Amino acid sequence: EGGGGGRGGGGSAAWGCRVAFSELARQELRALCAAEPPRGQPQTLRFFRCQPEQAEAAFVQALAADPRSIYRKEKCADAPYYLNLDGIDAVCRFTGKVVTVERVRLRDGGEDED
């Protein structure tokens, strides 16, 4: 249980999960946040354009708090978890107190996708 210590640097374990990015997810995030969008993609980012470090930090902050519902934690713990920030969808997997961002992609533009 550990507890009590300071809230400084390093781990967010004192209040949630440790967040890791796969190398692929980190590369995809850099590409999505580039000044020029990837070929064939419209530029849809409002906050993270040219700021991949801020995008990664925002995902880390949100995921470290483990935003899953109690139902998802208990009944769907092994299922991928999806989080969207600024039009970027992150595909994540929780394993104990570690969450790994496996992939990121732009959210589809809202066309009929049923």
Foldseek 3Di string as FASTA:
>chain_A
DDDDDDPDDDDLVNQAAQEAEDPQALVQLCQLQEQDHPPPDDNQADPRRVNSVVVVVVVRVVPRNPPDDPCCVPPVLQAWDWDDDRQKIWTWHDDPRYIYGYHIDGHPPPDDDD
